[in-house]
Amino acid sequence: MSVSNKNNGNIKRAIGTNTSLWKLPTEGTDANGRDAQIIKDEIPTRIDIVNDGLVYIGWAEFDTPEGDKAWKIRRVRLVGSVWYQEYAYGNQYFRYKWTSRASLPYA
C-alpha cells in the first residue's frame, strides 16, 4: 500500500487552510477544500494568448480538468503603453474555472 499526501477529496478543509508541514507557500486549497499541490508557482499549467495585448495565465494541480473550480488565473493586459497584471476577483486563490477565464472580474 502506497502512502500519498494528496487529498483525494474525502477530507474537507476550510478554504485557504494549509495543514501540511511539507507544502510550499504557493500551495493551498481549492474551492472544495482539497489540497492544490503545485510544483512551482512560476510554472503555469495553461497560457492563453488572446491577442498582442491580452494574455491569461493559469495554475492548477497537474491533470486538473479545465472546468473544475481549482484554478488560479492571472490576466495580463496592455493599456496604452502599460502592462497590467490582475488576478481573478483580485486574489490568488485556486478557486476558479479555467473555462470561465474571459468572463471573470479581475483586479
C-alpha atoms as a PDB file:
ATOM      1  CA  MET A   1       0.000   0.000   0.000  1.00  0.00           C
ATOM      2  CA  SER A   2       1.428   3.364  -1.002  1.00  0.00           C
ATOM      3  CA  VAL A   3       1.081   6.468   1.113  1.00  0.00           C
ATOM      4  CA  SER A   4       0.135   9.746  -0.538  1.00  0.00           C
ATOM      5  CA  ASN A   5      -0.065  13.242   0.925  1.00  0.00           C
ATOM      6  CA  LYS A   6      -2.613  14.173  -1.741  1.00  0.00           C
ATOM      7  CA  ASN A   7      -6.152  14.769  -0.535  1.00  0.00           C
ATOM      8  CA  ASN A   8      -8.499  12.593  -2.612  1.00  0.00           C
ATOM      9  CA  GLY A   9     -11.432  14.910  -1.919  1.00  0.00           C
ATOM     10  CA  ASN A  10     -12.824  13.000   1.063  1.00  0.00           C
ATOM     11  CA  ILE A  11     -11.300  15.377   3.599  1.00  0.00           C
ATOM     12  CA  LYS A  12     -12.822  18.865   3.620  1.00  0.00           C
ATOM     13  CA  ARG A  13     -10.881  21.801   4.981  1.00  0.00           C
ATOM     14  CA  ALA A  14     -11.779  25.440   5.262  1.00  0.00           C
ATOM     15  CA  ILE A  15     -10.741  27.353   2.179  1.00  0.00           C
ATOM     16  CA  GLY A  16      -7.262  28.793   2.474  1.00  0.00           C
ATOM     17  CA  THR A  17      -6.082  26.484   5.229  1.00  0.00           C
ATOM     18  CA  ASN A  18      -2.729  24.791   4.974  1.00  0.00           C
ATOM     19  CA  THR A  19      -2.325  21.830   7.294  1.00  0.00           C
ATOM     20  CA  SER A  20       0.659  20.108   5.688  1.00  0.00           C
ATOM     21  CA  LEU A  21       4.127  20.856   7.025  1.00  0.00           C
ATOM     22  CA  TRP A  22       5.681  19.999   3.650  1.00  0.00           C
ATOM     23  CA  LYS A  23       3.816  22.496   1.474  1.00  0.00           C
ATOM     24  CA  LEU A  24       5.394  25.397  -0.332  1.00  0.00           C
ATOM     25  CA  PRO A  25       3.955  28.886   0.283  1.00  0.00           C
ATOM     26  CA  THR A  26       2.446  28.840  -3.235  1.00  0.00           C
ATOM     27  CA  GLU A  27       0.248  25.868  -2.387  1.00  0.00           C
ATOM     28  CA  GLY A  28      -3.124  25.913  -0.714  1.00  0.00           C
ATOM     29  CA  THR A  29      -6.610  24.511  -1.111  1.00  0.00           C
ATOM     30  CA  ASP A  30      -9.159  24.739  -3.900  1.00  0.00           C
ATOM     31  CA  ALA A  31     -12.804  25.830  -3.599  1.00  0.00           C
ATOM     32  CA  ASN A  32     -13.745  22.396  -2.232  1.00  0.00           C
ATOM     33  CA  GLY A  33     -11.080  22.421   0.492  1.00  0.00           C
ATOM     34  CA  ARG A  34      -8.903  19.894  -1.362  1.00  0.00           C
ATOM     35  CA  ASP A  35      -5.139  20.359  -1.456  1.00  0.00           C
ATOM     36  CA  ALA A  36      -3.783  22.167  -4.503  1.00  0.00           C
ATOM     37  CA  GLN A  37      -0.225  20.967  -4.963  1.00  0.00           C
ATOM     38  CA  ILE A  38       1.781  22.921  -7.492  1.00  0.00           C
ATOM     39  CA  ILE A  39       5.428  22.177  -8.199  1.00  0.00           C
ATOM     40  CA  LYS A  40       6.351  25.868  -8.588  1.00  0.00           C
ATOM     41  CA  ASP A  41       4.124  28.901  -8.845  1.00  0.00           C
ATOM     42  CA  GLU A  42       6.278  30.275 -11.665  1.00  0.00           C
ATOM     43  CA  ILE A  43       5.379  27.377 -13.978  1.00  0.00           C
ATOM     44  CA  PRO A  44       1.851  27.916 -15.341  1.00  0.00           C
ATOM     45  CA  THR A  45      -0.312  24.998 -16.359  1.00  0.00           C
ATOM     46  CA  ARG A  46      -2.082  26.983 -19.118  1.00  0.00           C
ATOM     47  CA  ILE A  47      -1.300  30.117 -21.140  1.00  0.00           C
ATOM     48  CA  ASP A  48      -3.922  31.620 -23.467  1.00  0.00           C
ATOM     49  CA  ILE A  49      -2.582  34.384 -25.735  1.00  0.00           C
ATOM     50  CA  VAL A  50      -5.797  36.045 -26.884  1.00  0.00           C
ATOM     51  CA  ASN A  51      -4.036  38.826 -28.822  1.00  0.00           C
ATOM     52  CA  ASP A  52      -0.942  41.068 -28.605  1.00  0.00           C
ATOM     53  CA  GLY A  53      -2.408  42.903 -25.616  1.00  0.00           C
ATOM     54  CA  LEU A  54      -4.236  40.201 -23.672  1.00  0.00           C
ATOM     55  CA  VAL A  55      -2.941  37.003 -22.066  1.00  0.00           C
ATOM     56  CA  TYR A  56      -4.475  34.655 -19.486  1.00  0.00           C
ATOM     57  CA  ILE A  57      -2.183  32.524 -17.327  1.00  0.00           C
ATOM     58  CA  GLY A  58      -3.497  29.655 -15.228  1.00  0.00           C
ATOM     59  CA  TRP A  59      -2.091  27.457 -12.466  1.00  0.00           C
ATOM     60  CA  ALA A  60      -3.632  24.237 -11.178  1.00  0.00           C
ATOM     61  CA  GLU A  61      -2.568  20.851  -9.964  1.00  0.00           C
ATOM     62  CA  PHE A  62      -1.430  18.767 -12.922  1.00  0.00           C
ATOM     63  CA  ASP A  63      -4.275  16.910 -14.697  1.00  0.00           C
ATOM     64  CA  THR A  64      -6.938  19.221 -13.226  1.00  0.00           C
ATOM     65  CA  PRO A  65      -9.889  19.476 -15.638  1.00  0.00           C
ATOM     66  CA  GLU A  66     -10.308  22.983 -17.056  1.00  0.00           C
ATOM     67  CA  GLY A  67     -13.914  23.108 -15.801  1.00  0.00           C
ATOM     68  CA  ASP A  68     -13.019  22.411 -12.147  1.00  0.00           C
ATOM     69  CA  LYS A  69     -13.060  25.265  -9.617  1.00  0.00           C
ATOM     70  CA  ALA A  70      -9.399  24.658  -8.802  1.00  0.00           C
ATOM     71  CA  TRP A  71      -7.506  27.229 -10.896  1.00  0.00           C
ATOM     72  CA  LYS A  72      -5.612  30.404 -10.053  1.00  0.00           C
ATOM     73  CA  ILE A  73      -5.917  32.751 -13.036  1.00  0.00           C
ATOM     74  CA  ARG A  74      -3.979  35.887 -13.907  1.00  0.00           C
ATOM     75  CA  ARG A  75      -4.876  38.271 -16.714  1.00  0.00           C
ATOM     76  CA  VAL A  76      -2.098  40.334 -18.274  1.00  0.00           C
ATOM     77  CA  ARG A  77      -3.304  43.182 -20.472  1.00  0.00           C
ATOM     78  CA  LEU A  78      -1.812  46.135 -22.272  1.00  0.00           C
ATOM     79  CA  VAL A  79      -3.462  49.529 -21.786  1.00  0.00           C
ATOM     80  CA  GLY A  80      -1.670  52.196 -23.794  1.00  0.00           C
ATOM     81  CA  SER A  81       1.980  51.513 -23.058  1.00  0.00           C
ATOM     82  CA  VAL A  82       1.435  49.958 -19.605  1.00  0.00           C
ATOM     83  CA  TRP A  83       1.043  46.227 -18.878  1.00  0.00           C
ATOM     84  CA  TYR A  84      -1.348  45.329 -16.035  1.00  0.00           C
ATOM     85  CA  GLN A  85      -1.265  42.024 -14.154  1.00  0.00           C
ATOM     86  CA  GLU A  86      -4.534  41.215 -12.414  1.00  0.00           C
ATOM     87  CA  TYR A  87      -5.942  38.125 -10.703  1.00  0.00           C
ATOM     88  CA  ALA A  88      -9.460  36.733 -10.908  1.00  0.00           C
ATOM     89  CA  TYR A  89     -11.515  38.513  -8.239  1.00  0.00           C
ATOM     90  CA  GLY A  90      -8.298  40.259  -7.151  1.00  0.00           C
ATOM     91  CA  ASN A  91      -6.898  37.246  -5.314  1.00  0.00           C
ATOM     92  CA  GLN A  92      -4.568  34.333  -5.888  1.00  0.00           C
ATOM     93  CA  TYR A  93      -6.827  31.509  -4.725  1.00  0.00           C
ATOM     94  CA  PHE A  94      -7.194  28.211  -6.568  1.00  0.00           C
ATOM     95  CA  ARG A  95     -10.994  28.612  -6.820  1.00  0.00           C
ATOM     96  CA  TYR A  96     -11.866  29.398 -10.424  1.00  0.00           C
ATOM     97  CA  LYS A  97     -12.637  27.563 -13.649  1.00  0.00           C
ATOM     98  CA  TRP A  98     -10.108  27.948 -16.446  1.00  0.00           C
ATOM     99  CA  THR A  99     -13.010  27.694 -18.898  1.00  0.00           C
ATOM    100  CA  SER A 100     -14.530  30.857 -17.330  1.00  0.00           C
ATOM    101  CA  ARG A 101     -11.342  32.954 -17.529  1.00  0.00           C
ATOM    102  CA  ALA A 102     -12.671  35.507 -20.043  1.00  0.00           C
ATOM    103  CA  SER A 103     -15.851  36.255 -18.073  1.00  0.00           C
ATOM    104  CA  LEU A 104     -14.346  36.573 -14.575  1.00  0.00           C
ATOM    105  CA  PRO A 105     -13.810  40.002 -12.963  1.00  0.00           C
ATOM    106  CA  TYR A 106     -10.149  40.935 -12.451  1.00  0.00           C
ATOM    107  CA  ALA A 107      -8.454  43.348 -10.078  1.00  0.00           C
END
